Amino acid sequence: MYKKIKARQLFDGYRFRNNEVLILLEDGTVDGIVSLAEAGNDLQMLDGIVSPGFVNCHCHLELSHLKGVIEEHSGLAQFVQKVVQKRKVPEDEILNAIATAEKEMLDSGIVAVGDICNGTHSIPQKEEGNLQYHNFIEAMGSDSAVAERNFELFEKIYDSFCKKLDRKSVSITPHAVSYTHLRAHDSRAVLCF
């Protein structure tokens, strides 16, 4: 069984194609793209553009409850200060906002997300398996006096994600290059500079 989809335009990841048909296997796997003349009958016609799924490369899903709460274009320092001030709200509000944000991503055609994580609130939503996530546990801080203690906190968050989700989908990553105490020998760390 094949599913044949003809849209106004078909984007193959490189260019827009007209008068071509996307052929899917029964399980949704792409089998190919063929000309309209080769496709035969039983076409599903769509008025729009068919495209591969999109990737949200930098998300903060756990902060979804702050959408529209913090003034835009206020600068990084003021943004971080406002996040700290407004971050604590009832857990059900945080979880509902996470679910709403994930649905918005799905509705927008997003299929994979690079999510920056400072806590564990997003784990229950991610366990549902609606999107493919890579979870970047954000290690931050530059005070060498508390670096070990901070890193232990990041490791606990990392371990919590690994217990519930695929370990391959979790990395500890520095917030900025100034975080010099991230243990480079730690194989779980992904250094993103």
C-alpha atoms as a PDB file:
ATOM      1  CA  MET A   1       0.000   0.000   0.000  1.00  0.00           C
ATOM      2  CA  TYR A   2       1.229   3.428  -0.957  1.00  0.00           C
ATOM      3  CA  LYS A   3      -0.001   6.864  -0.028  1.00  0.00           C
ATOM      4  CA  LYS A   4       0.416   9.362  -2.847  1.00  0.00           C
ATOM      5  CA  ILE A   5       0.408  13.053  -1.983  1.00  0.00           C
ATOM      6  CA  LYS A   6       0.172  15.839  -4.549  1.00  0.00           C
ATOM      7  CA  ALA A   7       0.446  19.397  -3.242  1.00  0.00           C
ATOM      8  CA  ARG A   8       0.533  22.789  -4.898  1.00  0.00           C
ATOM      9  CA  GLN A   9       4.281  22.626  -4.241  1.00  0.00           C
ATOM     10  CA  LEU A  10       6.591  19.967  -2.874  1.00  0.00           C
ATOM     11  CA  PHE A  11       9.743  21.056  -1.060  1.00  0.00           C
ATOM     12  CA  ASP A  12      12.301  18.237  -1.016  1.00  0.00           C
ATOM     13  CA  GLY A  13      14.697  19.938   1.402  1.00  0.00           C
ATOM     14  CA  TYR A  14      16.663  21.538  -1.430  1.00  0.00           C
ATOM     15  CA  ARG A  15      14.206  23.027  -3.900  1.00  0.00           C
ATOM     16  CA  PHE A  16      10.508  23.450  -4.648  1.00  0.00           C
ATOM     17  CA  ARG A  17       9.070  20.977  -7.122  1.00  0.00           C
ATOM     18  CA  ASN A  18       5.866  21.281  -9.137  1.00  0.00           C
ATOM     19  CA  ASN A  19       3.807  18.521 -10.721  1.00  0.00           C
ATOM     20  CA  GLU A  20       5.517  15.844  -8.659  1.00  0.00           C
ATOM     21  CA  VAL A  21       4.035  13.418  -6.159  1.00  0.00           C
ATOM     22  CA  LEU A  22       5.370  12.268  -2.799  1.00  0.00           C
ATOM     23  CA  ILE A  23       5.075   8.507  -2.373  1.00  0.00           C
ATOM     24  CA  LEU A  24       4.844   7.156   1.181  1.00  0.00           C
ATOM     25  CA  LEU A  25       4.855   3.576   2.395  1.00  0.00           C
ATOM     26  CA  GLU A  26       2.065   2.409   4.686  1.00  0.00           C
ATOM     27  CA  ASP A  27       4.141   3.240   7.792  1.00  0.00           C
ATOM     28  CA  GLY A  28       4.788   6.817   6.564  1.00  0.00           C
ATOM     29  CA  THR A  29       8.313   6.203   5.304  1.00  0.00           C
ATOM     30  CA  VAL A  30       9.143   8.227   2.194  1.00  0.00           C
ATOM     31  CA  ASP A  31       9.509   5.874  -0.768  1.00  0.00           C
ATOM     32  CA  GLY A  32      10.268   8.532  -3.335  1.00  0.00           C
ATOM     33  CA  ILE A  33       9.135  11.444  -5.453  1.00  0.00           C
ATOM     34  CA  VAL A  34       7.789  10.771  -8.927  1.00  0.00           C
ATOM     35  CA  SER A  35       6.351  12.840 -11.741  1.00  0.00           C
ATOM     36  CA  LEU A  36       2.606  13.366 -11.816  1.00  0.00           C
ATOM     37  CA  ALA A  37       2.445  11.256 -14.993  1.00  0.00           C
ATOM     38  CA  GLU A  38       4.124   8.296 -13.216  1.00  0.00           C
ATOM     39  CA  ALA A  39       2.043   8.496 -10.034  1.00  0.00           C
ATOM     40  CA  GLY A  40      -1.140   6.892 -11.338  1.00  0.00           C
ATOM     41  CA  ASN A  41      -4.480   7.164  -9.527  1.00  0.00           C
ATOM     42  CA  ASP A  42      -5.568   7.563  -5.903  1.00  0.00           C
ATOM     43  CA  LEU A  43      -3.769  10.830  -5.252  1.00  0.00           C
ATOM     44  CA  GLN A  44      -4.395  12.757  -2.068  1.00  0.00           C
ATOM     45  CA  MET A  45      -4.551  16.400  -3.166  1.00  0.00           C
ATOM     46  CA  LEU A  46      -3.403  19.132  -0.765  1.00  0.00           C
ATOM     47  CA  ASP A  47      -3.744  22.879  -1.272  1.00  0.00           C
ATOM     48  CA  GLY A  48      -0.439  23.968   0.179  1.00  0.00           C
ATOM     49  CA  ILE A  49       3.202  23.034   0.449  1.00  0.00           C
ATOM     50  CA  VAL A  50       4.496  19.645   1.556  1.00  0.00           C
ATOM     51  CA  SER A  51       7.874  19.870   3.240  1.00  0.00           C
ATOM     52  CA  PRO A  52      10.187  17.775   5.401  1.00  0.00           C
ATOM     53  CA  GLY A  53       9.738  18.410   9.110  1.00  0.00           C
ATOM     54  CA  PHE A  54      11.381  21.445  10.654  1.00  0.00           C
ATOM     55  CA  VAL A  55      13.941  21.508  13.483  1.00  0.00           C
ATOM     56  CA  ASN A  56      13.787  23.948  16.390  1.00  0.00           C
ATOM     57  CA  CYS A  57      17.513  24.173  17.129  1.00  0.00           C
ATOM     58  CA  HIS A  58      17.315  26.265  20.301  1.00  0.00           C
ATOM     59  CA  CYS A  59      14.339  25.906  22.608  1.00  0.00           C
ATOM     60  CA  HIS A  60      13.716  26.481  26.320  1.00  0.00           C
ATOM     61  CA  LEU A  61      10.594  24.337  26.700  1.00  0.00           C
ATOM     62  CA  GLU A  62      10.645  24.509  30.501  1.00  0.00           C
ATOM     63  CA  LEU A  63      10.296  28.315  30.295  1.00  0.00           C
ATOM     64  CA  SER A  64       7.151  28.179  28.139  1.00  0.00           C
ATOM     65  CA  HIS A  65       5.066  29.615  30.986  1.00  0.00           C
ATOM     66  CA  LEU A  66       7.012  32.871  30.528  1.00  0.00           C
ATOM     67  CA  LYS A  67       5.838  33.379  26.947  1.00  0.00           C
ATOM     68  CA  GLY A  68       4.584  36.958  26.651  1.00  0.00           C
ATOM     69  CA  VAL A  69       5.534  37.740  30.267  1.00  0.00           C
ATOM     70  CA  ILE A  70       8.992  39.184  29.668  1.00  0.00           C
ATOM     71  CA  GLU A  71       9.395  42.290  27.536  1.00  0.00           C
ATOM     72  CA  GLU A  72      11.169  41.602  24.247  1.00  0.00           C
ATOM     73  CA  HIS A  73      14.375  43.368  23.167  1.00  0.00           C
ATOM     74  CA  SER A  74      15.322  44.304  26.746  1.00  0.00           C
ATOM     75  CA  GLY A  75      18.836  42.854  26.581  1.00  0.00           C
ATOM     76  CA  LEU A  76      20.301  39.625  27.895  1.00  0.00           C
ATOM     77  CA  ALA A  77      21.054  40.818  31.445  1.00  0.00           C
ATOM     78  CA  GLN A  78      17.515  42.101  32.022  1.00  0.00           C
ATOM     79  CA  PHE A  79      16.048  38.996  30.351  1.00  0.00           C
ATOM     80  CA  VAL A  80      17.975  36.643  32.673  1.00  0.00           C
ATOM     81  CA  GLN A  81      17.003  38.731  35.703  1.00  0.00           C
ATOM     82  CA  LYS A  82      13.311  38.579  34.722  1.00  0.00           C
ATOM     83  CA  VAL A  83      13.513  34.815  34.138  1.00  0.00           C
ATOM     84  CA  VAL A  84      14.888  34.342  37.651  1.00  0.00           C
ATOM     85  CA  GLN A  85      12.214  36.637  39.129  1.00  0.00           C
ATOM     86  CA  LYS A  86       9.255  35.119  37.279  1.00  0.00           C
ATOM     87  CA  ARG A  87      10.362  31.501  36.976  1.00  0.00           C
ATOM     88  CA  LYS A  88       8.577  30.182  40.082  1.00  0.00           C
ATOM     89  CA  VAL A  89       4.912  29.541  39.379  1.00  0.00           C
ATOM     90  CA  PRO A  90       2.640  26.611  40.298  1.00  0.00           C
ATOM     91  CA  GLU A  91       3.881  23.352  38.761  1.00  0.00           C
ATOM     92  CA  ASP A  92       0.596  22.637  36.959  1.00  0.00           C
ATOM     93  CA  GLU A  93       0.921  26.007  35.189  1.00  0.00           C
ATOM     94  CA  ILE A  94       4.461  25.106  34.068  1.00  0.00           C
ATOM     95  CA  LEU A  95       3.417  21.642  32.852  1.00  0.00           C
ATOM     96  CA  ASN A  96       0.364  22.992  30.990  1.00  0.00           C
ATOM     97  CA  ALA A  97       2.496  25.648  29.276  1.00  0.00           C
ATOM     98  CA  ILE A  98       5.030  22.975  28.249  1.00  0.00           C
ATOM     99  CA  ALA A  99       2.259  20.849  26.724  1.00  0.00           C
ATOM    100  CA  THR A 100       0.819  23.872  24.905  1.00  0.00           C
ATOM    101  CA  ALA A 101       4.235  24.879  23.558  1.00  0.00           C
ATOM    102  CA  GLU A 102       4.925  21.359  22.303  1.00  0.00           C
ATOM    103  CA  LYS A 103       1.544  21.292  20.526  1.00  0.00           C
ATOM    104  CA  GLU A 104       2.371  24.646  18.893  1.00  0.00           C
ATOM    105  CA  MET A 105       5.644  23.191  17.629  1.00  0.00           C
ATOM    106  CA  LEU A 106       3.889  20.100  16.255  1.00  0.00           C
ATOM    107  CA  ASP A 107       1.218  22.244  14.595  1.00  0.00           C
ATOM    108  CA  SER A 108       4.011  24.319  12.991  1.00  0.00           C
ATOM    109  CA  GLY A 109       5.639  21.272  11.387  1.00  0.00           C
ATOM    110  CA  ILE A 110       8.494  20.908  13.852  1.00  0.00           C
ATOM    111  CA  VAL A 111       9.630  17.292  14.261  1.00  0.00           C
ATOM    112  CA  ALA A 112      12.873  17.663  16.238  1.00  0.00           C
ATOM    113  CA  VAL A 113      13.998  20.029  18.994  1.00  0.00           C
ATOM    114  CA  GLY A 114      17.290  21.015  20.614  1.00  0.00           C
ATOM    115  CA  ASP A 115      16.039  21.881  24.099  1.00  0.00           C
ATOM    116  CA  ILE A 116      18.102  23.798  26.657  1.00  0.00           C
ATOM    117  CA  CYS A 117      17.308  22.397  30.119  1.00  0.00           C
ATOM    118  CA  ASN A 118      18.026  23.818  33.563  1.00  0.00           C
ATOM    119  CA  GLY A 119      15.569  21.568  35.392  1.00  0.00           C
ATOM    120  CA  THR A 120      13.400  18.484  34.951  1.00  0.00           C
ATOM    121  CA  HIS A 121       9.907  19.918  34.339  1.00  0.00           C
ATOM    122  CA  SER A 122       9.895  18.963  30.654  1.00  0.00           C
ATOM    123  CA  ILE A 123      10.605  15.236  31.196  1.00  0.00           C
ATOM    124  CA  PRO A 124       6.952  14.083  31.529  1.00  0.00           C
ATOM    125  CA  GLN A 125       5.991  15.762  28.243  1.00  0.00           C
ATOM    126  CA  LYS A 126       9.025  14.354  26.464  1.00  0.00           C
ATOM    127  CA  GLU A 127       8.185  10.857  27.699  1.00  0.00           C
ATOM    128  CA  GLU A 128       5.057  11.016  25.527  1.00  0.00           C
ATOM    129  CA  GLY A 129       7.323  10.808  22.461  1.00  0.00           C
ATOM    130  CA  ASN A 130       5.512  13.384  20.323  1.00  0.00           C
ATOM    131  CA  LEU A 131       8.735  15.028  19.118  1.00  0.00           C
ATOM    132  CA  GLN A 132      12.366  14.006  18.829  1.00  0.00           C
ATOM    133  CA  TYR A 133      14.333  15.965  21.443  1.00  0.00           C
ATOM    134  CA  HIS A 134      17.994  16.390  22.202  1.00  0.00           C
ATOM    135  CA  ASN A 135      18.260  17.703  25.749  1.00  0.00           C
ATOM    136  CA  PHE A 136      21.175  20.038  26.434  1.00  0.00           C
ATOM    137  CA  ILE A 137      21.624  20.236  30.205  1.00  0.00           C
ATOM    138  CA  GLU A 138      22.933  23.761  30.515  1.00  0.00           C
ATOM    139  CA  ALA A 139      25.930  24.066  32.824  1.00  0.00           C
ATOM    140  CA  MET A 140      26.488  27.654  33.807  1.00  0.00           C
ATOM    141  CA  GLY A 141      28.572  29.662  36.196  1.00  0.00           C
ATOM    142  CA  SER A 142      32.064  31.039  36.315  1.00  0.00           C
ATOM    143  CA  ASP A 143      32.864  31.107  40.034  1.00  0.00           C
ATOM    144  CA  SER A 144      35.590  28.504  40.583  1.00  0.00           C
ATOM    145  CA  ALA A 145      34.734  28.353  44.300  1.00  0.00           C
ATOM    146  CA  VAL A 146      31.378  26.698  43.550  1.00  0.00           C
ATOM    147  CA  ALA A 147      32.158  25.010  40.251  1.00  0.00           C
ATOM    148  CA  GLU A 148      32.245  21.459  41.646  1.00  0.00           C
ATOM    149  CA  ARG A 149      28.998  21.934  43.557  1.00  0.00           C
ATOM    150  CA  ASN A 150      27.328  23.440  40.488  1.00  0.00           C
ATOM    151  CA  PHE A 151      28.533  20.628  38.262  1.00  0.00           C
ATOM    152  CA  GLU A 152      27.096  18.069  40.713  1.00  0.00           C
ATOM    153  CA  LEU A 153      23.723  19.795  40.308  1.00  0.00           C
ATOM    154  CA  PHE A 154      23.999  19.587  36.510  1.00  0.00           C
ATOM    155  CA  GLU A 155      24.932  15.905  36.818  1.00  0.00           C
ATOM    156  CA  LYS A 156      21.781  15.243  38.898  1.00  0.00           C
ATOM    157  CA  ILE A 157      19.634  16.875  36.226  1.00  0.00           C
ATOM    158  CA  TYR A 158      21.492  14.884  33.565  1.00  0.00           C
ATOM    159  CA  ASP A 159      20.929  11.644  35.502  1.00  0.00           C
ATOM    160  CA  SER A 160      17.204  12.428  35.886  1.00  0.00           C
ATOM    161  CA  PHE A 161      16.856  12.834  32.119  1.00  0.00           C
ATOM    162  CA  CYS A 162      18.851   9.656  31.443  1.00  0.00           C
ATOM    163  CA  LYS A 163      16.624   7.604  33.773  1.00  0.00           C
ATOM    164  CA  LYS A 164      13.467   8.610  31.875  1.00  0.00           C
ATOM    165  CA  LEU A 165      14.657   9.230  28.308  1.00  0.00           C
ATOM    166  CA  ASP A 166      17.163   7.731  25.886  1.00  0.00           C
ATOM    167  CA  ARG A 167      20.633   8.489  27.255  1.00  0.00           C
ATOM    168  CA  LYS A 168      21.785   9.336  23.711  1.00  0.00           C
ATOM    169  CA  SER A 169      19.349  12.264  23.714  1.00  0.00           C
ATOM    170  CA  VAL A 170      20.986  14.001  26.690  1.00  0.00           C
ATOM    171  CA  SER A 171      24.224  16.039  26.931  1.00  0.00           C
ATOM    172  CA  ILE A 172      25.731  18.393  29.446  1.00  0.00           C
ATOM    173  CA  THR A 173      26.787  21.559  27.643  1.00  0.00           C
ATOM    174  CA  PRO A 174      28.262  24.842  28.867  1.00  0.00           C
ATOM    175  CA  HIS A 175      26.177  27.987  28.767  1.00  0.00           C
ATOM    176  CA  ALA A 176      29.145  30.026  27.595  1.00  0.00           C
ATOM    177  CA  VAL A 177      32.826  29.539  26.931  1.00  0.00           C
ATOM    178  CA  SER A 178      33.611  31.289  30.206  1.00  0.00           C
ATOM    179  CA  TYR A 179      32.524  28.172  32.066  1.00  0.00           C
ATOM    180  CA  THR A 180      36.043  26.809  32.448  1.00  0.00           C
ATOM    181  CA  HIS A 181      35.313  24.173  35.047  1.00  0.00           C
ATOM    182  CA  LEU A 182      33.329  21.837  32.850  1.00  0.00           C
ATOM    183  CA  ARG A 183      35.276  18.629  33.056  1.00  0.00           C
ATOM    184  CA  ALA A 184      36.541  18.096  29.520  1.00  0.00           C
ATOM    185  CA  HIS A 185      37.276  14.452  30.233  1.00  0.00           C
ATOM    186  CA  ASP A 186      33.598  13.809  31.023  1.00  0.00           C
ATOM    187  CA  SER A 187      32.299  11.838  28.029  1.00  0.00           C
ATOM    188  CA  ARG A 188      28.764  13.113  28.626  1.00  0.00           C
ATOM    189  CA  ALA A 189      29.761  16.672  27.922  1.00  0.00           C
ATOM    190  CA  VAL A 190      29.293  18.206  24.502  1.00  0.00           C
ATOM    191  CA  LEU A 191      31.317  21.367  24.158  1.00  0.00           C
ATOM    192  CA  CYS A 192      29.448  23.790  21.926  1.00  0.00           C
ATOM    193  CA  PHE A 193      31.463  26.942  21.261  1.00  0.00           C
END
